[in-house]
């Protein structure tokens, strides 16, 4: 894992060697509750973006790739005119992509697609090791991700994760409407949800955060120790 400095925030992202230092002096608190480690998922714990992979399991990989390309074009046109359905351009692309590919999908079919994803995920070993090290130290582990809560539980099975903050889909009569059921759990919204989690589950001890630049910087700025992750080519899945 490669990290870079972000000096704007006093407790923000910092540089670190390949193996993040959980045992650095001053990290563990003397009291005040257990420590908590917050992990982004896409591009941090795994290679790439899990959403196109999920949609590919639902409608086929080629159709999913074409639908994503079309959503990017449509999102750009709408955003330029100020009519994008998301709060920003990536959010508009995501909203269009989901509506065009998942509308009407039975929840049972979505869960089956999630199970088919499991063997396809390419984990990032250094961060997976870091997650396990936090668990071994008795820290709570929370995944904070823009990925969908439909498939995340299947992918996280067996990792001992304490909680999941993810993007929800609207469900009516057992099927997806194609619309989000929660705010998109990215950038500022992710930071707000992490802040709310800490307030609701406190008192907490030390806090760690792991995510990628630039989307996770607002979350990492909340942490006592925030690390910007960059996955290098050649980090093979274990």
C-alpha atoms as a PDB file:
ATOM      1  CA  UNK A   1       0.000   0.000   0.000  1.00  0.00           C
ATOM      2  CA  UNK A   2       1.296   3.454  -0.850  1.00  0.00           C
ATOM      3  CA  UNK A   3       0.160   6.447   1.168  1.00  0.00           C
ATOM      4  CA  UNK A   4       0.471  10.190   0.655  1.00  0.00           C
ATOM      5  CA  UNK A   5       0.371  13.132   3.040  1.00  0.00           C
ATOM      6  CA  UNK A   6      -2.635  15.409   3.400  1.00  0.00           C
ATOM      7  CA  UNK A   7      -1.462  18.280   5.623  1.00  0.00           C
ATOM      8  CA  UNK A   8      -4.645  20.337   5.629  1.00  0.00           C
ATOM      9  CA  UNK A   9      -6.271  18.381   8.453  1.00  0.00           C
ATOM     10  CA  UNK A  10      -4.415  17.925  11.797  1.00  0.00           C
ATOM     11  CA  UNK A  11      -5.806  14.403  12.213  1.00  0.00           C
ATOM     12  CA  UNK A  12      -6.153  13.742   8.514  1.00  0.00           C
ATOM     13  CA  UNK A  13      -4.511  11.262   6.155  1.00  0.00           C
ATOM     14  CA  UNK A  14      -0.823  10.636   6.712  1.00  0.00           C
ATOM     15  CA  UNK A  15       1.977   8.744   5.072  1.00  0.00           C
ATOM     16  CA  UNK A  16       2.944   5.264   6.195  1.00  0.00           C
ATOM     17  CA  UNK A  17       4.918   2.236   5.058  1.00  0.00           C
ATOM     18  CA  UNK A  18       3.313  -0.670   3.203  1.00  0.00           C
ATOM     19  CA  UNK A  19       1.997  -2.276   6.374  1.00  0.00           C
ATOM     20  CA  UNK A  20      -0.065   0.320   8.310  1.00  0.00           C
ATOM     21  CA  UNK A  21       1.216   0.821  11.849  1.00  0.00           C
ATOM     22  CA  UNK A  22      -1.479  -0.139  14.296  1.00  0.00           C
ATOM     23  CA  UNK A  23       1.008  -0.230  17.189  1.00  0.00           C
ATOM     24  CA  UNK A  24       2.502   3.228  16.763  1.00  0.00           C
ATOM     25  CA  UNK A  25       2.967   5.127  20.066  1.00  0.00           C
ATOM     26  CA  UNK A  26       0.040   7.336  20.988  1.00  0.00           C
ATOM     27  CA  UNK A  27      -2.487   5.484  18.875  1.00  0.00           C
ATOM     28  CA  UNK A  28      -4.180   3.282  21.449  1.00  0.00           C
ATOM     29  CA  UNK A  29      -6.130   5.252  24.070  1.00  0.00           C
ATOM     30  CA  UNK A  30      -5.737   4.763  27.791  1.00  0.00           C
ATOM     31  CA  UNK A  31      -9.499   4.526  28.104  1.00  0.00           C
ATOM     32  CA  UNK A  32     -12.756   5.754  26.646  1.00  0.00           C
ATOM     33  CA  UNK A  33     -13.928   2.650  24.832  1.00  0.00           C
ATOM     34  CA  UNK A  34     -12.505   0.346  22.173  1.00  0.00           C
ATOM     35  CA  UNK A  35     -10.729   1.659  19.115  1.00  0.00           C
ATOM     36  CA  UNK A  36     -12.576   1.689  15.788  1.00  0.00           C
ATOM     37  CA  UNK A  37     -11.177   1.220  12.285  1.00  0.00           C
ATOM     38  CA  UNK A  38     -13.203   2.499   9.315  1.00  0.00           C
ATOM     39  CA  UNK A  39     -12.479   1.017   5.895  1.00  0.00           C
ATOM     40  CA  UNK A  40     -13.587   2.089   2.459  1.00  0.00           C
ATOM     41  CA  UNK A  41     -14.249  -0.907   0.196  1.00  0.00           C
ATOM     42  CA  UNK A  42     -13.850  -0.201  -3.528  1.00  0.00           C
ATOM     43  CA  UNK A  43     -10.255   0.633  -4.395  1.00  0.00           C
ATOM     44  CA  UNK A  44      -9.172   0.114  -0.786  1.00  0.00           C
ATOM     45  CA  UNK A  45     -10.030  -3.375   0.427  1.00  0.00           C
ATOM     46  CA  UNK A  46     -10.533  -4.650  -3.129  1.00  0.00           C
ATOM     47  CA  UNK A  47      -9.239  -3.852  -6.589  1.00  0.00           C
ATOM     48  CA  UNK A  48     -11.607  -1.787  -8.702  1.00  0.00           C
ATOM     49  CA  UNK A  49     -15.296  -0.982  -8.361  1.00  0.00           C
ATOM     50  CA  UNK A  50     -17.747  -3.607  -7.144  1.00  0.00           C
ATOM     51  CA  UNK A  51     -20.889  -1.990  -8.601  1.00  0.00           C
ATOM     52  CA  UNK A  52     -20.232  -2.750 -12.301  1.00  0.00           C
ATOM     53  CA  UNK A  53     -19.273  -6.272 -11.225  1.00  0.00           C
ATOM     54  CA  UNK A  54     -22.598  -6.686  -9.458  1.00  0.00           C
ATOM     55  CA  UNK A  55     -24.603  -5.318 -12.377  1.00  0.00           C
ATOM     56  CA  UNK A  56     -22.641  -7.621 -14.654  1.00  0.00           C
ATOM     57  CA  UNK A  57     -23.848 -10.591 -12.626  1.00  0.00           C
ATOM     58  CA  UNK A  58     -27.415  -9.352 -13.026  1.00  0.00           C
ATOM     59  CA  UNK A  59     -27.592  -8.495 -16.739  1.00  0.00           C
ATOM     60  CA  UNK A  60     -24.324  -9.843 -18.165  1.00  0.00           C
ATOM     61  CA  UNK A  61     -20.896  -8.237 -18.238  1.00  0.00           C
ATOM     62  CA  UNK A  62     -21.065  -6.907 -21.789  1.00  0.00           C
ATOM     63  CA  UNK A  63     -24.480  -5.328 -21.287  1.00  0.00           C
ATOM     64  CA  UNK A  64     -23.313  -3.843 -17.986  1.00  0.00           C
ATOM     65  CA  UNK A  65     -20.273  -2.253 -19.642  1.00  0.00           C
ATOM     66  CA  UNK A  66     -22.421  -0.768 -22.407  1.00  0.00           C
ATOM     67  CA  UNK A  67     -24.967   0.498 -19.872  1.00  0.00           C
ATOM     68  CA  UNK A  68     -22.232   2.166 -17.835  1.00  0.00           C
ATOM     69  CA  UNK A  69     -20.776   3.888 -20.894  1.00  0.00           C
ATOM     70  CA  UNK A  70     -24.246   5.117 -21.831  1.00  0.00           C
ATOM     71  CA  UNK A  71     -24.862   6.341 -18.265  1.00  0.00           C
ATOM     72  CA  UNK A  72     -21.622   8.338 -18.387  1.00  0.00           C
ATOM     73  CA  UNK A  73     -22.687  10.028 -21.636  1.00  0.00           C
ATOM     74  CA  UNK A  74     -26.189  10.710 -20.351  1.00  0.00           C
ATOM     75  CA  UNK A  75     -24.916  11.905 -16.986  1.00  0.00           C
ATOM     76  CA  UNK A  76     -22.532  14.346 -18.636  1.00  0.00           C
ATOM     77  CA  UNK A  77     -25.275  15.824 -20.828  1.00  0.00           C
ATOM     78  CA  UNK A  78     -27.683  16.173 -17.910  1.00  0.00           C
ATOM     79  CA  UNK A  79     -25.074  17.556 -15.543  1.00  0.00           C
ATOM     80  CA  UNK A  80     -23.974  20.238 -17.985  1.00  0.00           C
ATOM     81  CA  UNK A  81     -27.613  21.374 -18.179  1.00  0.00           C
ATOM     82  CA  UNK A  82     -27.928  21.290 -14.392  1.00  0.00           C
ATOM     83  CA  UNK A  83     -30.406  18.417 -14.511  1.00  0.00           C
ATOM     84  CA  UNK A  84     -28.277  15.586 -13.164  1.00  0.00           C
ATOM     85  CA  UNK A  85     -30.126  13.294 -10.733  1.00  0.00           C
ATOM     86  CA  UNK A  86     -27.126  13.125  -8.393  1.00  0.00           C
ATOM     87  CA  UNK A  87     -25.477  15.739  -6.205  1.00  0.00           C
ATOM     88  CA  UNK A  88     -22.442  15.666  -8.506  1.00  0.00           C
ATOM     89  CA  UNK A  89     -21.406  14.141 -11.832  1.00  0.00           C
ATOM     90  CA  UNK A  90     -20.353  10.727 -10.438  1.00  0.00           C
ATOM     91  CA  UNK A  91     -23.568  10.613  -8.445  1.00  0.00           C
ATOM     92  CA  UNK A  92     -25.620  11.345 -11.551  1.00  0.00           C
ATOM     93  CA  UNK A  93     -23.872   8.570 -13.487  1.00  0.00           C
ATOM     94  CA  UNK A  94     -24.526   6.144 -10.648  1.00  0.00           C
ATOM     95  CA  UNK A  95     -28.215   7.070 -10.390  1.00  0.00           C
ATOM     96  CA  UNK A  96     -28.745   6.678 -14.142  1.00  0.00           C
ATOM     97  CA  UNK A  97     -26.813   3.408 -14.272  1.00  0.00           C
ATOM     98  CA  UNK A  98     -28.769   1.874 -11.405  1.00  0.00           C
ATOM     99  CA  UNK A  99     -32.164   2.937 -12.728  1.00  0.00           C
ATOM    100  CA  UNK A 100     -31.481   1.566 -16.203  1.00  0.00           C
ATOM    101  CA  UNK A 101     -30.063  -1.766 -15.040  1.00  0.00           C
ATOM    102  CA  UNK A 102     -31.750  -2.708 -11.751  1.00  0.00           C
ATOM    103  CA  UNK A 103     -35.292  -1.362 -12.029  1.00  0.00           C
ATOM    104  CA  UNK A 104     -37.765  -4.200 -11.473  1.00  0.00           C
ATOM    105  CA  UNK A 105     -35.137  -6.683 -10.286  1.00  0.00           C
ATOM    106  CA  UNK A 106     -36.518  -8.976  -7.559  1.00  0.00           C
ATOM    107  CA  UNK A 107     -34.526  -8.713  -4.339  1.00  0.00           C
ATOM    108  CA  UNK A 108     -34.072 -12.499  -4.357  1.00  0.00           C
ATOM    109  CA  UNK A 109     -32.344 -12.258  -7.745  1.00  0.00           C
ATOM    110  CA  UNK A 110     -30.126  -9.453  -6.467  1.00  0.00           C
ATOM    111  CA  UNK A 111     -29.039 -11.576  -3.491  1.00  0.00           C
ATOM    112  CA  UNK A 112     -28.306 -14.509  -5.810  1.00  0.00           C
ATOM    113  CA  UNK A 113     -26.144 -12.231  -7.965  1.00  0.00           C
ATOM    114  CA  UNK A 114     -24.281 -11.159  -4.826  1.00  0.00           C
ATOM    115  CA  UNK A 115     -23.387 -14.765  -4.075  1.00  0.00           C
ATOM    116  CA  UNK A 116     -22.032 -15.187  -7.612  1.00  0.00           C
ATOM    117  CA  UNK A 117     -19.799 -12.169  -7.050  1.00  0.00           C
ATOM    118  CA  UNK A 118     -18.003 -13.655  -4.063  1.00  0.00           C
ATOM    119  CA  UNK A 119     -15.337 -15.684  -5.941  1.00  0.00           C
ATOM    120  CA  UNK A 120     -14.731 -12.842  -8.421  1.00  0.00           C
ATOM    121  CA  UNK A 121     -13.645 -10.206  -5.906  1.00  0.00           C
ATOM    122  CA  UNK A 122      -9.926  -9.366  -6.058  1.00  0.00           C
ATOM    123  CA  UNK A 123      -8.881  -8.501  -2.527  1.00  0.00           C
ATOM    124  CA  UNK A 124      -6.036  -6.120  -1.686  1.00  0.00           C
ATOM    125  CA  UNK A 125      -3.901  -8.258   0.668  1.00  0.00           C
ATOM    126  CA  UNK A 126      -2.129  -5.474   2.656  1.00  0.00           C
ATOM    127  CA  UNK A 127      -5.442  -3.873   3.642  1.00  0.00           C
ATOM    128  CA  UNK A 128      -7.086  -7.219   4.291  1.00  0.00           C
ATOM    129  CA  UNK A 129      -4.207  -7.996   6.644  1.00  0.00           C
ATOM    130  CA  UNK A 130      -4.681  -4.609   8.300  1.00  0.00           C
ATOM    131  CA  UNK A 131      -8.374  -5.314   8.872  1.00  0.00           C
ATOM    132  CA  UNK A 132      -7.537  -8.661  10.457  1.00  0.00           C
ATOM    133  CA  UNK A 133      -4.884  -7.043  12.634  1.00  0.00           C
ATOM    134  CA  UNK A 134      -7.429  -4.554  13.963  1.00  0.00           C
ATOM    135  CA  UNK A 135      -9.766  -7.438  14.759  1.00  0.00           C
ATOM    136  CA  UNK A 136      -6.969  -9.263  16.572  1.00  0.00           C
ATOM    137  CA  UNK A 137      -6.366  -6.185  18.715  1.00  0.00           C
ATOM    138  CA  UNK A 138     -10.037  -6.078  19.722  1.00  0.00           C
ATOM    139  CA  UNK A 139     -10.866  -2.975  17.692  1.00  0.00           C
ATOM    140  CA  UNK A 140     -14.264  -2.587  16.104  1.00  0.00           C
ATOM    141  CA  UNK A 141     -14.261  -2.656  12.300  1.00  0.00           C
ATOM    142  CA  UNK A 142     -16.748  -0.650  10.231  1.00  0.00           C
ATOM    143  CA  UNK A 143     -16.991  -0.668   6.450  1.00  0.00           C
ATOM    144  CA  UNK A 144     -18.072   2.698   5.013  1.00  0.00           C
ATOM    145  CA  UNK A 145     -18.726   2.448   1.298  1.00  0.00           C
ATOM    146  CA  UNK A 146     -20.731   3.764  -1.605  1.00  0.00           C
ATOM    147  CA  UNK A 147     -21.325   0.150  -2.663  1.00  0.00           C
ATOM    148  CA  UNK A 148     -24.829  -1.259  -2.345  1.00  0.00           C
ATOM    149  CA  UNK A 149     -26.039  -2.863   0.862  1.00  0.00           C
ATOM    150  CA  UNK A 150     -27.641  -5.540  -1.330  1.00  0.00           C
ATOM    151  CA  UNK A 151     -24.399  -7.330  -2.032  1.00  0.00           C
ATOM    152  CA  UNK A 152     -21.955  -6.138   0.600  1.00  0.00           C
ATOM    153  CA  UNK A 153     -22.978  -8.642   3.340  1.00  0.00           C
ATOM    154  CA  UNK A 154     -22.133 -11.565   1.032  1.00  0.00           C
ATOM    155  CA  UNK A 155     -18.722 -10.105   0.196  1.00  0.00           C
ATOM    156  CA  UNK A 156     -17.865  -9.349   3.829  1.00  0.00           C
ATOM    157  CA  UNK A 157     -18.950 -12.725   5.170  1.00  0.00           C
ATOM    158  CA  UNK A 158     -16.379 -14.231   7.504  1.00  0.00           C
ATOM    159  CA  UNK A 159     -14.338 -11.068   8.017  1.00  0.00           C
ATOM    160  CA  UNK A 160     -15.764 -10.254  11.443  1.00  0.00           C
ATOM    161  CA  UNK A 161     -16.975  -6.792  10.452  1.00  0.00           C
ATOM    162  CA  UNK A 162     -18.963  -5.054  13.179  1.00  0.00           C
ATOM    163  CA  UNK A 163     -21.050  -2.715  11.056  1.00  0.00           C
ATOM    164  CA  UNK A 164     -21.705  -1.641   7.485  1.00  0.00           C
ATOM    165  CA  UNK A 165     -22.455   1.864   6.212  1.00  0.00           C
ATOM    166  CA  UNK A 166     -23.469   1.517   2.565  1.00  0.00           C
ATOM    167  CA  UNK A 167     -25.829   2.823  -0.102  1.00  0.00           C
ATOM    168  CA  UNK A 168     -29.343   1.406   0.045  1.00  0.00           C
ATOM    169  CA  UNK A 169     -31.734   0.745  -2.830  1.00  0.00           C
ATOM    170  CA  UNK A 170     -35.460   1.421  -2.701  1.00  0.00           C
ATOM    171  CA  UNK A 171     -37.588  -1.757  -2.614  1.00  0.00           C
ATOM    172  CA  UNK A 172     -41.319  -1.965  -3.377  1.00  0.00           C
ATOM    173  CA  UNK A 173     -43.204  -5.258  -3.280  1.00  0.00           C
ATOM    174  CA  UNK A 174     -40.019  -7.290  -3.156  1.00  0.00           C
ATOM    175  CA  UNK A 175     -38.385  -5.672  -6.195  1.00  0.00           C
ATOM    176  CA  UNK A 176     -35.956  -2.811  -6.740  1.00  0.00           C
ATOM    177  CA  UNK A 177     -37.366   0.408  -8.144  1.00  0.00           C
ATOM    178  CA  UNK A 178     -33.980   1.442  -9.528  1.00  0.00           C
ATOM    179  CA  UNK A 179     -33.884   4.436  -7.162  1.00  0.00           C
ATOM    180  CA  UNK A 180     -31.688   4.884  -4.122  1.00  0.00           C
ATOM    181  CA  UNK A 181     -33.338   4.253  -0.778  1.00  0.00           C
ATOM    182  CA  UNK A 182     -30.662   6.209   1.116  1.00  0.00           C
ATOM    183  CA  UNK A 183     -28.255   8.964   0.280  1.00  0.00           C
ATOM    184  CA  UNK A 184     -25.254   7.866  -1.768  1.00  0.00           C
ATOM    185  CA  UNK A 185     -22.678   6.887   0.897  1.00  0.00           C
ATOM    186  CA  UNK A 186     -19.706   8.660  -0.677  1.00  0.00           C
ATOM    187  CA  UNK A 187     -17.625  11.752  -0.029  1.00  0.00           C
ATOM    188  CA  UNK A 188     -19.351  14.216   2.339  1.00  0.00           C
ATOM    189  CA  UNK A 189     -22.305  11.920   2.990  1.00  0.00           C
ATOM    190  CA  UNK A 190     -19.940   9.105   3.984  1.00  0.00           C
ATOM    191  CA  UNK A 191     -18.172  11.435   6.412  1.00  0.00           C
ATOM    192  CA  UNK A 192     -21.511  12.496   7.895  1.00  0.00           C
ATOM    193  CA  UNK A 193     -22.572   8.885   8.375  1.00  0.00           C
ATOM    194  CA  UNK A 194     -19.246   7.996   9.987  1.00  0.00           C
ATOM    195  CA  UNK A 195     -19.534  10.984  12.316  1.00  0.00           C
ATOM    196  CA  UNK A 196     -23.069   9.925  13.240  1.00  0.00           C
ATOM    197  CA  UNK A 197     -21.911   6.337  13.850  1.00  0.00           C
ATOM    198  CA  UNK A 198     -19.213   7.521  16.244  1.00  0.00           C
ATOM    199  CA  UNK A 199     -21.722   9.700  18.108  1.00  0.00           C
ATOM    200  CA  UNK A 200     -24.232   6.843  18.363  1.00  0.00           C
ATOM    201  CA  UNK A 201     -21.745   4.149  19.414  1.00  0.00           C
ATOM    202  CA  UNK A 202     -19.464   6.124  21.690  1.00  0.00           C
ATOM    203  CA  UNK A 203     -17.522   6.507  23.690  1.00  0.00           C
ATOM    204  CA  UNK A 204     -14.843   5.247  21.319  1.00  0.00           C
ATOM    205  CA  UNK A 205     -11.115   5.091  21.770  1.00  0.00           C
ATOM    206  CA  UNK A 206      -8.656   5.701  18.946  1.00  0.00           C
ATOM    207  CA  UNK A 207      -9.977   5.905  15.407  1.00  0.00           C
ATOM    208  CA  UNK A 208      -8.305   4.754  12.210  1.00  0.00           C
ATOM    209  CA  UNK A 209      -9.485   5.289   8.656  1.00  0.00           C
ATOM    210  CA  UNK A 210      -8.433   3.752   5.344  1.00  0.00           C
ATOM    211  CA  UNK A 211      -9.638   5.049   1.992  1.00  0.00           C
ATOM    212  CA  UNK A 212      -8.582   6.410  -1.361  1.00  0.00           C
ATOM    213  CA  UNK A 213      -8.045   9.891  -2.715  1.00  0.00           C
ATOM    214  CA  UNK A 214      -9.964  12.122  -3.229  1.00  0.00           C
ATOM    215  CA  UNK A 215     -13.366  10.665  -2.382  1.00  0.00           C
ATOM    216  CA  UNK A 216     -12.510   9.463   1.129  1.00  0.00           C
ATOM    217  CA  UNK A 217     -10.608  12.519   2.361  1.00  0.00           C
ATOM    218  CA  UNK A 218     -13.642  13.939   4.240  1.00  0.00           C
ATOM    219  CA  UNK A 219     -13.962  10.662   6.182  1.00  0.00           C
ATOM    220  CA  UNK A 220     -10.233  10.345   6.791  1.00  0.00           C
ATOM    221  CA  UNK A 221     -10.085  13.894   8.177  1.00  0.00           C
ATOM    222  CA  UNK A 222     -12.301  12.717  11.076  1.00  0.00           C
ATOM    223  CA  UNK A 223      -9.809  10.044  12.144  1.00  0.00           C
ATOM    224  CA  UNK A 224      -6.940  10.198  14.598  1.00  0.00           C
ATOM    225  CA  UNK A 225      -5.030   8.211  12.005  1.00  0.00           C
ATOM    226  CA  UNK A 226      -6.225   8.370   8.413  1.00  0.00           C
ATOM    227  CA  UNK A 227      -4.321   6.660   5.621  1.00  0.00           C
ATOM    228  CA  UNK A 228      -4.756   7.239   1.899  1.00  0.00           C
ATOM    229  CA  UNK A 229      -4.515   3.926   0.083  1.00  0.00           C
ATOM    230  CA  UNK A 230      -3.198   3.427  -3.418  1.00  0.00           C
ATOM    231  CA  UNK A 231      -3.278  -0.106  -4.753  1.00  0.00           C
ATOM    232  CA  UNK A 232      -0.164  -0.933  -6.702  1.00  0.00           C
ATOM    233  CA  UNK A 233      -0.212  -3.146  -9.720  1.00  0.00           C
ATOM    234  CA  UNK A 234       1.288  -6.474  -8.839  1.00  0.00           C
ATOM    235  CA  UNK A 235      -0.435  -6.817  -5.462  1.00  0.00           C
ATOM    236  CA  UNK A 236      -1.861 -10.262  -6.133  1.00  0.00           C
ATOM    237  CA  UNK A 237      -4.957 -11.590  -4.443  1.00  0.00           C
ATOM    238  CA  UNK A 238      -4.385 -14.192  -1.761  1.00  0.00           C
END
